[in-house]
Structure formats: C-alpha cells, structure tokens
Amino acid sequence: MHRALLHVSRRAQAVRNLASTVEGDAFRLNEYSSKYLGHRKAAFTEKLEIINADDTPAIPIYRVTNAVGDVIDKSQDPNFDEPTAIKMYKTMTQLNIMDRILYDSQRQGRISFYMTSFGEEGNHVGSAAALESHDLIYGQYREAGVLLWRGYSMENFMNQCYGNADDLGKGRQMPMHFGAKERNFVTISSPLTTQLPQAVGSAYAFKQQKDNQRIVVVYFGDGAASEGDAHAAFNFAATLKCPIIFFCRNNGYAISTPTSEQYGGDGIAGKGPAYGLHTIRVDGNDLLAVYNATKEARRVALTNRPVLIEAMTYRLGHHSTSDDSTAYRSAEEVETWGDKDHPITRFNKYITERGWWNEEKEKDWQKEVKKRVLTEFSAAEKRKKAHYHDLFDDVYDELPLRLRRQRDELDAHIKEYKEHYPMDGLKETHH
C-alpha cells in the first residue's frame, strides 16, 4: 500500500513538473515574441544549428518585362493609358538629353560640377509616377528625373546648376542639389545619408496628423546604405511605425567601391526584414515593375508600415564629373550593360508596340528637347549671380547683430580689395 501511494505521489509530482515546464516554456515564448522578436513566433529546439548565411536564399527580383521589353505576365501590366506612357518616356529621354548637354558643359568649364543618371532613368520615373503629388520626397543627388516628373522646370534646373540670382537656392548650393517646396521635394544635402533619419522624422510627423494621406519617400544609393545613418533610420522607422518608403538605387558602385566589397549579406533588401521593414527587390531598369512596386509600397506605407525597395540597376556614367570610372571598371562592362539592359530601350518597345511611338516622333522629340535645353542653358549662363549679401539671409526673420557685423566686415574687406572682387556680374543687393 505504501509503495502504491508513493508511486501515485511521484506520478502526480511529475505531472505537476511537466505542467510547470510547459507553462514556463509558454510564458517565455510569449514574452520573447511580444517583447524581443517583434511579435514573431519562435520555438525552442534541441538541435544545435548555426544558420549559414550563405545558404539563405536571396530575395527574388520582381519584374514585369524581360531585358528586351516584352511583358512576361500580362496580369502584371499596369496598363498605362497613352498620355501617361508618353509622359513617362518623354521624361526619361529628356533627362538623358539634359544629362548629356550639362555633362559636356562641365567639361567645357561652364558649370562647376555635374552628375548624370545614365541607365537609371527607369527607377526615377517609375517610382515618381506611382506617388501622389503631396507625398514628400527626400532625394540624394541622382533623382533629377523625379523632379522632372513633378514639373520642375528646365529653367530651374539650369539656374541651379549655374547658381545664378534666379536659382531658388540663391546660388548657395553646388550643382545637382535641387529643392522645390512647391513640388514637395526637400533640398538635397551633400553629406551622405543624412536625409534618411530626417525623412523618418517627417514621416513620424505625418503619422501624428489625423486621417493622414501623405507618405515620405527617401532615395539613396547602395553606398549610403553602408552608412550608420541608414541603419538608424531603418530602426527608427520600424519601431515608430512610420509611413515611409526607403527607395535604394543599387547601381553596383559607391563611387569606385563595388557592391561586392560593401556587404556580405543579401544586398540591401536583405536588411529589411531584419529591421522589421516590409521589403521588395525590383528590377530597377523595368519601369513597369518599379511603378507597380512603388504603388503597392505606398499603399502599405499609408497603414504605418515602412517599406524598403531595392531597385537593381546599373550606373552607366561616371559617379560624377569628379570621377573617372575607367580606373575601376572596364569599358566593356559599361558597354554590355548599355546594350543588353537599358530602361529607355525597354520602355520604348512597350510604347512602340502599342502604336503610340515611332522613329519619326523620336526624331522630332529629340530635336525639340535639345533646343529647349540649350535655350534655357544659354539664358541661365547669361543671368547675373546672386549678391553675396544673400549668404546672410533666409535663416532669421530679423538678422542678429553678430551677423550684421559679419556682413559689414565682409563689405569692408571687398571694398578694400575691390580689384579682386569684380561686382559687375552680381545682382544688386536689396540691403
């Protein structure tokens, strides 16, 4: 009898221990899920296994057309109407022509600096077309096509590159650092990646507004993704649940550093899920795919779920006019990319097959754009430069005493050494 009772007692204790273990495991897994793992479900395992990063499959590259412009799956065709498709094509080709003329002008010493977007026109226009005009954009310095789509005038482009008195920034920025309040495009800053955490701040502000219908889109390159500010921005956006799209133009090079030397994981998109960002990798030379991806990303972002888009593309031009890419890549590599996968060529086939475009229209359009660019270029070149007094304006409503003193000191210096400071080319001051 005693042994039987002891056996029952031990069994009851075992049951209690098992219940306690199950309850304890459930408690811990629930805590880990809700507090440690972003509400993702985890499980215990007794199998010792270190995850091999090399065995993790890469995120696929979403596309709509193949390399020659054929739509692969008709259900993915956004079915643009003719005016929209023609505007897209004209924006891409206008950007391409403007780039060629301004690049050559820098080589002639007529402007100080320039950066082309050769080969990346598709991700500019495809993404810009999928947004609403009231969405706020933070650019890096290779998003001129986004501004073109939004109606930024050729006159403004030329004035900014010349830094003349009619430049919206009054000549304070180097060329390619555009900004347009009326286009909801924040002025570009030179320091790499600073725009990412700033963009998250704007998105968080939008989130606080009742019935918010605006998102923020921030553009950056693969090199910028290696900066600390990018990681801080990803984390802030995910934890604060901000309505933002991170749009990465992965063009293969951070100036001269190839992507193969920048990171060891699954590109830029591979970082997204780790931070809690909804993520898609898209063929950046496929305008249709970029459009679809950005449109869907905008829908998701409006629900306060940040999205990371990695657009796979290739930089056909030099990084800038300060760079000579032949020092780190072959001419054959560039030529092959241009011949086999160009966004303008691919979209040209799309509109040509629908009867919306032909060689005659192409010839007339090229001629028209070149004339327009050269006309505005010539006009901007002749305009006077901003007065140096503008250096002190547009920060304070009333200029502080210390800045007035600095301005007076500068006036005195220029007056004393006037032979070194020709004033004929400056606009008259309002002071």
Protein backbone atom coordinates (compact mmCIF):
# COMPACT_ATOMS: atom_id res chain seq x y z
CA MET A 1 0.00 0.00 0.00
CA HIS A 2 2.79 2.39 0.96
CA ARG A 3 4.65 1.71 -2.31
CA ALA A 4 1.48 2.27 -4.34
CA LEU A 5 0.83 5.60 -2.64
CA LEU A 6 4.45 6.63 -3.20
CA HIS A 7 4.17 5.75 -6.90
CA VAL A 8 0.98 7.81 -7.25
CA SER A 9 2.63 10.72 -5.44
CA ARG A 10 5.65 10.63 -7.75
CA ARG A 11 3.43 10.49 -10.81
CA ALA A 12 1.43 13.47 -9.58
CA GLN A 13 4.65 15.39 -8.97
CA ALA A 14 5.87 14.52 -12.46
CA VAL A 15 2.60 15.76 -13.92
CA ARG A 16 2.92 18.97 -11.92
CA ASN A 17 6.53 19.39 -13.06
CA LEU A 18 5.53 18.78 -16.67
CA ALA A 19 2.70 21.27 -16.40
CA SER A 20 5.06 23.76 -14.81
CA THR A 21 7.61 23.21 -17.61
CA VAL A 22 5.01 23.62 -20.35
CA GLU A 23 3.61 26.68 -18.63
CA GLY A 24 7.09 28.12 -18.19
CA ASP A 25 8.02 27.48 -21.81
CA ALA A 26 4.78 29.03 -22.99
CA PHE A 27 5.40 32.06 -20.79
CA ARG A 28 8.92 32.56 -22.11
CA LEU A 29 7.96 32.08 -25.75
CA ASN A 30 5.13 34.56 -25.35
CA GLU A 31 7.48 37.08 -23.72
CA TYR A 32 10.12 36.59 -26.41
CA SER A 33 7.51 37.02 -29.12
CA SER A 34 5.91 40.17 -27.75
CA LYS A 35 8.98 41.91 -26.36
CA TYR A 36 12.06 40.56 -28.12
CA LEU A 37 11.04 39.39 -31.59
CA GLY A 38 8.54 41.93 -32.87
CA HIS A 39 5.58 39.56 -32.25
CA ARG A 40 7.14 36.86 -34.42
CA LYS A 41 6.53 33.32 -33.22
CA ALA A 42 9.59 31.33 -32.16
CA ALA A 43 10.03 27.81 -30.86
CA PHE A 44 12.58 26.01 -28.72
CA THR A 45 14.79 23.41 -30.37
CA GLU A 46 17.25 20.87 -29.08
CA LYS A 47 19.07 20.78 -32.41
CA LEU A 48 22.33 22.73 -32.34
CA GLU A 49 22.48 24.60 -35.63
CA ILE A 50 24.15 27.88 -36.59
CA ILE A 51 22.34 29.42 -39.54
CA ASN A 52 24.65 29.58 -42.53
CA ALA A 53 24.17 32.97 -44.19
CA ASP A 54 25.47 31.57 -47.48
CA ASP A 55 22.62 29.04 -47.58
CA THR A 56 19.88 31.63 -47.06
CA PRO A 57 18.07 32.13 -50.39
CA ALA A 58 18.25 35.60 -51.91
CA ILE A 59 15.11 37.73 -52.10
CA PRO A 60 13.80 37.45 -55.68
CA ILE A 61 13.85 40.35 -58.14
CA TYR A 62 10.35 41.38 -59.15
CA ARG A 63 9.93 42.22 -62.83
CA VAL A 64 7.19 42.78 -65.40
CA THR A 65 9.22 42.86 -68.63
CA ASN A 66 12.28 40.98 -69.76
CA ALA A 67 15.53 42.61 -70.86
CA VAL A 68 14.17 43.50 -74.31
CA GLY A 69 10.90 44.95 -73.03
CA ASP A 70 8.42 42.10 -73.52
CA VAL A 71 5.71 41.84 -70.84
CA ILE A 72 6.10 38.39 -69.30
CA ASP A 73 2.88 38.07 -67.29
CA LYS A 74 0.02 40.16 -68.70
CA SER A 75 -1.65 40.29 -65.28
CA GLN A 76 1.27 42.40 -64.03
CA ASP A 77 1.00 45.01 -66.80
CA PRO A 78 -0.18 48.28 -65.18
CA ASN A 79 -1.87 49.12 -68.50
CA PHE A 80 -0.91 52.77 -68.67
CA ASP A 81 -3.03 54.95 -70.88
CA GLU A 82 -1.28 56.60 -73.82
CA PRO A 83 -0.79 60.09 -72.30
CA THR A 84 0.75 58.63 -69.13
CA ALA A 85 3.05 56.28 -71.00
CA ILE A 86 4.22 59.01 -73.37
CA LYS A 87 4.87 61.37 -70.47
CA MET A 88 6.97 58.65 -68.82
CA TYR A 89 9.01 58.08 -71.94
CA LYS A 90 9.48 61.78 -72.63
CA THR A 91 10.60 62.39 -69.05
CA MET A 92 13.23 59.65 -69.27
CA THR A 93 14.57 60.82 -72.62
CA GLN A 94 14.50 64.48 -71.58
CA LEU A 95 16.59 63.60 -68.52
CA ASN A 96 19.02 61.66 -70.70
CA ILE A 97 19.47 64.56 -73.15
CA MET A 98 19.79 67.14 -70.36
CA ASP A 99 22.45 64.97 -68.73
CA ARG A 100 24.50 64.78 -71.92
CA ILE A 101 24.43 68.53 -72.51
CA LEU A 102 25.20 69.51 -68.91
CA TYR A 103 27.92 66.89 -68.58
CA ASP A 104 29.62 68.30 -71.68
CA SER A 105 29.18 71.86 -70.38
CA GLN A 106 31.04 70.96 -67.20
CA ARG A 107 33.86 69.51 -69.26
CA GLN A 108 33.98 72.85 -71.08
CA GLY A 109 34.30 74.67 -67.75
CA ARG A 110 30.92 76.38 -68.00
CA ILE A 111 29.50 74.85 -64.80
CA SER A 112 31.49 73.53 -61.86
CA PHE A 113 30.05 70.06 -61.28
CA TYR A 114 27.50 67.57 -62.57
CA MET A 115 26.15 64.06 -62.01
CA THR A 116 24.38 62.07 -64.70
CA SER A 117 21.65 59.45 -64.34
CA PHE A 118 22.55 57.37 -67.40
CA GLY A 119 20.99 53.92 -67.07
CA GLU A 120 18.89 54.79 -64.03
CA GLU A 121 16.09 56.74 -65.69
CA GLY A 122 13.58 53.92 -65.18
CA ASN A 123 13.69 53.91 -61.40
CA HIS A 124 13.32 57.73 -61.32
CA VAL A 125 10.21 57.89 -63.45
CA GLY A 126 8.65 54.57 -62.46
CA SER A 127 8.72 55.46 -58.78
CA ALA A 128 7.75 59.12 -59.18
CA ALA A 129 4.71 58.24 -61.30
CA ALA A 130 3.40 55.88 -58.61
CA LEU A 131 3.35 58.57 -55.92
CA GLU A 132 0.87 61.32 -55.15
CA SER A 133 1.99 64.90 -55.69
CA HIS A 134 1.52 65.70 -51.99
CA ASP A 135 3.90 62.93 -50.88
CA LEU A 136 7.14 64.37 -49.52
CA ILE A 137 10.41 63.40 -51.20
CA TYR A 138 13.93 63.43 -49.84
CA GLY A 139 16.45 62.90 -52.62
CA GLN A 140 20.14 62.10 -52.59
CA TYR A 141 21.68 63.65 -55.70
CA ARG A 142 20.68 61.40 -58.58
CA GLU A 143 16.92 61.97 -58.65
CA ALA A 144 16.58 64.74 -61.24
CA GLY A 145 14.07 62.57 -63.11
CA VAL A 146 11.75 62.60 -60.09
CA LEU A 147 11.71 66.40 -60.17
CA LEU A 148 11.17 66.42 -63.94
CA TRP A 149 8.13 64.19 -63.49
CA ARG A 150 6.75 66.57 -60.87
CA GLY A 151 7.03 69.56 -63.19
CA TYR A 152 10.28 71.16 -62.07
CA SER A 153 11.12 73.44 -64.98
CA MET A 154 14.14 73.27 -67.24
CA GLU A 155 14.76 76.91 -66.32
CA ASN A 156 15.03 75.96 -62.64
CA PHE A 157 17.44 73.12 -63.44
CA MET A 158 19.73 75.44 -65.38
CA ASN A 159 19.57 78.28 -62.86
CA GLN A 160 20.52 75.87 -60.08
CA CYS A 161 23.46 74.39 -61.98
CA TYR A 162 24.76 77.89 -62.68
CA GLY A 163 23.97 79.16 -59.17
CA ASN A 164 22.71 82.44 -60.57
CA ALA A 165 20.47 85.04 -58.93
CA ASP A 166 17.31 83.31 -60.17
CA ASP A 167 18.28 80.00 -58.59
CA LEU A 168 15.70 79.05 -55.95
CA GLY A 169 18.59 78.43 -53.56
CA LYS A 170 20.26 81.76 -54.45
CA GLY A 171 23.47 80.05 -55.53
CA ARG A 172 24.25 78.67 -52.08
CA GLN A 173 24.38 75.03 -53.19
CA MET A 174 26.68 73.27 -55.61
CA PRO A 175 25.07 71.96 -58.84
CA MET A 176 22.68 68.99 -58.61
CA HIS A 177 21.48 70.00 -55.13
CA PHE A 178 17.92 70.81 -56.11
CA GLY A 179 14.97 71.63 -53.91
CA ALA A 180 11.41 72.75 -54.58
CA LYS A 181 8.93 73.44 -51.81
CA GLU A 182 6.01 73.65 -54.22
CA ARG A 183 6.95 70.21 -55.59
CA ASN A 184 7.26 68.69 -52.10
CA PHE A 185 10.93 67.94 -52.75
CA VAL A 186 13.28 68.71 -49.85
CA THR A 187 16.55 70.43 -50.78
CA ILE A 188 19.37 67.94 -51.27
CA SER A 189 22.29 67.91 -48.84
CA SER A 190 25.81 66.83 -49.76
CA PRO A 191 26.66 64.79 -46.62
CA LEU A 192 25.83 61.20 -47.47
CA THR A 193 22.74 59.59 -45.90
CA THR A 194 21.73 62.49 -43.66
CA GLN A 195 18.41 62.57 -45.50
CA LEU A 196 17.32 59.16 -44.19
CA PRO A 197 16.81 59.94 -40.48
CA GLN A 198 15.41 63.35 -41.46
CA ALA A 199 12.87 61.63 -43.70
CA VAL A 200 11.82 59.32 -40.87
CA GLY A 201 11.22 62.38 -38.71
CA SER A 202 8.94 63.87 -41.36
CA ALA A 203 7.09 60.58 -41.72
CA TYR A 204 6.59 60.39 -37.97
CA ALA A 205 5.16 63.91 -38.04
CA PHE A 206 2.72 62.88 -40.79
CA LYS A 207 1.67 59.92 -38.66
CA GLN A 208 0.58 62.28 -35.88
CA GLN A 209 -1.88 64.04 -38.19
CA LYS A 210 -5.49 62.92 -38.17
CA ASP A 211 -6.56 60.95 -41.26
CA ASN A 212 -3.09 61.30 -42.75
CA GLN A 213 -2.91 60.64 -46.50
CA ARG A 214 0.74 61.53 -47.06
CA ILE A 215 3.85 59.40 -47.02
CA VAL A 216 7.55 60.17 -47.27
CA VAL A 217 9.82 58.66 -49.91
CA VAL A 218 13.55 58.86 -49.35
CA TYR A 219 16.00 57.94 -52.11
CA PHE A 220 19.55 56.74 -51.51
CA GLY A 221 22.24 54.62 -53.12
CA ASP A 222 23.88 51.35 -52.17
CA GLY A 223 26.85 53.27 -50.76
CA ALA A 224 24.61 55.34 -48.50
CA ALA A 225 23.12 52.10 -47.15
CA SER A 226 26.53 51.34 -45.64
CA GLU A 227 26.44 54.49 -43.51
CA GLY A 228 25.34 54.42 -39.88
CA ASP A 229 22.54 56.91 -40.53
CA ALA A 230 20.82 54.35 -42.78
CA HIS A 231 20.69 51.73 -40.04
CA ALA A 232 19.45 54.27 -37.51
CA ALA A 233 16.74 55.38 -39.93
CA PHE A 234 15.62 51.81 -40.66
CA ASN A 235 15.34 51.08 -36.95
CA PHE A 236 13.52 54.31 -36.10
CA ALA A 237 11.02 53.81 -38.94
CA ALA A 238 10.29 50.22 -37.92
CA THR A 239 9.92 50.84 -34.20
CA LEU A 240 7.91 54.06 -34.63
CA LYS A 241 5.87 52.52 -37.48
CA CYS A 242 6.23 55.44 -39.86
CA PRO A 243 4.56 55.95 -43.27
CA ILE A 244 7.75 55.91 -45.31
CA ILE A 245 9.31 54.22 -48.33
CA PHE A 246 13.08 53.73 -48.37
CA PHE A 247 14.00 53.62 -52.07
CA CYS A 248 17.51 52.30 -52.67
CA ARG A 249 19.04 52.68 -56.11
CA ASN A 250 21.52 49.82 -56.12
CA ASN A 251 23.57 50.72 -59.19
CA GLY A 252 26.55 48.50 -58.45
CA TYR A 253 29.04 51.10 -57.25
CA ALA A 254 29.51 53.51 -54.36
CA ILE A 255 31.69 55.85 -56.40
CA SER A 256 34.52 53.36 -57.03
CA THR A 257 33.62 50.69 -54.45
CA PRO A 258 31.71 47.78 -56.00
CA THR A 259 28.80 46.33 -54.07
CA SER A 260 30.72 43.06 -53.72
CA GLU A 261 33.05 44.88 -51.32
CA GLN A 262 30.33 46.75 -49.42
CA TYR A 263 28.37 43.97 -47.76
CA GLY A 264 28.41 40.23 -47.30
CA GLY A 265 24.70 39.54 -46.99
CA ASP A 266 21.72 39.56 -49.33
CA GLY A 267 22.20 43.05 -50.73
CA ILE A 268 20.21 45.96 -49.35
CA ALA A 269 16.83 44.21 -49.38
CA GLY A 270 18.22 41.53 -47.08
CA LYS A 271 18.50 44.11 -44.32
CA GLY A 272 14.80 44.99 -44.47
CA PRO A 273 13.19 42.02 -42.68
CA ALA A 274 15.92 42.11 -40.02
CA TYR A 275 14.84 45.63 -39.10
CA GLY A 276 11.13 44.89 -39.42
CA LEU A 277 10.66 46.65 -42.76
CA HIS A 278 8.31 45.32 -45.42
CA THR A 279 10.64 44.67 -48.33
CA ILE A 280 10.72 44.13 -52.07
CA ARG A 281 13.58 43.82 -54.55
CA VAL A 282 12.71 45.06 -58.02
CA ASP A 283 14.30 45.24 -61.45
CA GLY A 284 15.21 48.93 -61.47
CA ASN A 285 15.56 49.03 -65.25
CA ASP A 286 11.98 47.83 -65.68
CA LEU A 287 9.83 50.96 -65.40
CA LEU A 288 6.63 48.92 -65.16
CA ALA A 289 7.96 46.83 -62.28
CA VAL A 290 9.25 49.89 -60.43
CA TYR A 291 5.86 51.55 -60.85
CA ASN A 292 3.95 48.52 -59.53
CA ALA A 293 6.33 48.02 -56.61
CA THR A 294 6.23 51.67 -55.57
CA LYS A 295 2.45 51.89 -55.87
CA GLU A 296 1.99 48.84 -53.66
CA ALA A 297 4.66 50.09 -51.25
CA ARG A 298 2.79 53.37 -50.94
CA ARG A 299 -0.42 51.51 -50.07
CA VAL A 300 1.41 49.57 -47.35
CA ALA A 301 3.23 52.65 -46.02
CA LEU A 302 -0.06 54.53 -45.59
CA THR A 303 -1.00 51.91 -43.00
CA ASN A 304 2.07 52.97 -40.99
CA ARG A 305 4.17 50.03 -42.11
CA PRO A 306 7.52 51.24 -43.51
CA VAL A 307 8.73 49.68 -46.76
CA LEU A 308 12.20 49.14 -48.21
CA ILE A 309 12.56 48.94 -52.00
CA GLU A 310 15.84 47.84 -53.53
CA ALA A 311 15.92 48.75 -57.22
CA MET A 312 18.57 46.74 -59.07
CA THR A 313 20.10 48.91 -61.78
CA TYR A 314 23.47 49.94 -63.21
CA ARG A 315 25.26 53.28 -63.34
CA LEU A 316 26.34 53.71 -66.96
CA GLY A 317 28.01 57.07 -66.37
CA HIS A 318 30.85 58.11 -64.10
CA HIS A 319 29.87 58.77 -60.49
CA SER A 320 30.24 62.48 -61.20
CA THR A 321 32.38 64.84 -63.24
CA SER A 322 35.00 64.44 -60.49
CA ASP A 323 35.26 60.72 -61.19
CA ASP A 324 36.88 58.59 -63.89
CA SER A 325 35.26 55.17 -63.69
CA THR A 326 37.67 53.65 -66.21
CA ALA A 327 40.08 53.40 -63.29
CA TYR A 328 37.98 50.72 -61.61
CA ARG A 329 35.77 49.11 -64.28
CA SER A 330 36.19 48.18 -67.91
CA ALA A 331 34.64 49.97 -70.86
CA GLU A 332 33.37 46.57 -71.99
CA GLU A 333 31.37 46.15 -68.77
CA VAL A 334 29.67 49.51 -69.25
CA GLU A 335 29.00 48.90 -72.93
CA THR A 336 27.50 45.48 -72.25
CA TRP A 337 25.07 46.85 -69.68
CA GLY A 338 24.05 49.68 -72.00
CA ASP A 339 23.43 47.30 -74.89
CA LYS A 340 21.70 44.49 -73.02
CA ASP A 341 19.60 46.25 -70.38
CA HIS A 342 18.66 49.91 -70.78
CA PRO A 343 15.42 51.24 -69.23
CA ILE A 344 14.72 53.65 -72.09
CA THR A 345 15.14 50.94 -74.72
CA ARG A 346 12.87 48.58 -72.82
CA PHE A 347 10.08 51.12 -72.40
CA ASN A 348 10.47 52.31 -75.98
CA LYS A 349 9.39 48.85 -77.10
CA TYR A 350 6.38 48.97 -74.78
CA ILE A 351 5.00 52.19 -76.31
CA THR A 352 6.06 51.38 -79.87
CA GLU A 353 4.23 48.04 -79.88
CA ARG A 354 1.05 49.84 -78.84
CA GLY A 355 1.32 52.25 -81.76
CA TRP A 356 2.00 55.27 -79.55
CA TRP A 357 5.55 55.96 -80.72
CA ASN A 358 7.68 55.65 -83.83
CA GLU A 359 11.02 56.74 -85.26
CA GLU A 360 9.65 59.99 -86.66
CA LYS A 361 8.21 61.01 -83.28
CA GLU A 362 11.50 60.06 -81.65
CA LYS A 363 13.47 62.23 -84.04
CA ASP A 364 11.16 65.23 -83.57
CA TRP A 365 11.15 64.86 -79.78
CA GLN A 366 14.94 64.62 -79.55
CA LYS A 367 15.27 67.77 -81.63
CA GLU A 368 12.68 69.63 -79.53
CA VAL A 369 14.29 68.71 -76.21
CA LYS A 370 17.81 69.59 -77.30
CA LYS A 371 16.60 73.00 -78.43
CA ARG A 372 14.75 73.56 -75.14
CA VAL A 373 17.71 72.53 -73.00
CA LEU A 374 20.18 74.64 -74.96
CA THR A 375 17.87 77.67 -74.88
CA GLU A 376 17.45 77.54 -71.10
CA PHE A 377 21.13 76.72 -70.67
CA SER A 378 22.16 79.80 -72.64
CA ALA A 379 19.73 82.03 -70.74
CA ALA A 380 20.92 80.78 -67.34
CA GLU A 381 24.54 81.31 -68.32
CA LYS A 382 23.86 84.99 -69.04
CA ARG A 383 22.00 85.76 -65.82
CA LYS A 384 23.78 87.57 -63.03
CA LYS A 385 25.00 85.77 -59.93
CA ALA A 386 23.34 86.20 -56.56
CA HIS A 387 24.74 89.00 -54.39
CA TYR A 388 26.99 87.87 -51.56
CA HIS A 389 24.63 89.53 -49.07
CA ASP A 390 22.27 86.62 -49.75
CA LEU A 391 24.67 84.49 -47.71
CA PHE A 392 23.20 86.07 -44.58
CA ASP A 393 19.51 85.86 -45.46
CA ASP A 394 16.68 83.33 -45.06
CA VAL A 395 17.61 81.95 -41.65
CA TYR A 396 16.41 84.63 -39.24
CA ASP A 397 13.35 86.84 -39.59
CA GLU A 398 15.49 89.70 -38.33
CA LEU A 399 19.24 89.48 -38.86
CA PRO A 400 21.04 89.18 -35.48
CA LEU A 401 23.65 91.75 -34.53
CA ARG A 402 26.55 89.29 -34.87
CA LEU A 403 25.58 88.52 -38.49
CA ARG A 404 25.11 92.19 -39.32
CA ARG A 405 28.65 92.78 -38.03
CA GLN A 406 29.98 89.92 -40.15
CA ARG A 407 28.22 91.30 -43.22
CA ASP A 408 29.70 94.75 -42.56
CA GLU A 409 33.17 93.25 -42.17
CA LEU A 410 32.77 91.45 -45.49
CA ASP A 411 31.63 94.69 -47.15
CA ALA A 412 34.72 96.46 -45.82
CA HIS A 413 37.02 93.68 -46.98
CA ILE A 414 35.59 93.66 -50.51
CA LYS A 415 35.76 97.45 -50.69
CA GLU A 416 39.43 97.44 -49.66
CA TYR A 417 40.37 94.72 -52.14
CA LYS A 418 37.84 95.54 -54.85
CA GLU A 419 40.29 94.71 -57.65
CA HIS A 420 39.97 91.06 -56.60
CA TYR A 421 36.18 91.08 -56.39
CA PRO A 422 34.51 92.15 -59.65
CA MET A 423 30.93 93.12 -58.84
CA ASP A 424 29.58 93.65 -62.34
CA GLY A 425 28.32 90.08 -62.57
CA LEU A 426 26.35 90.22 -59.30
CA LYS A 427 22.74 91.15 -58.87
CA GLU A 428 22.18 94.36 -56.90
CA THR A 429 21.62 93.87 -53.20
CA HIS A 430 18.35 94.79 -51.52
CA HIS A 431 20.17 95.87 -48.34
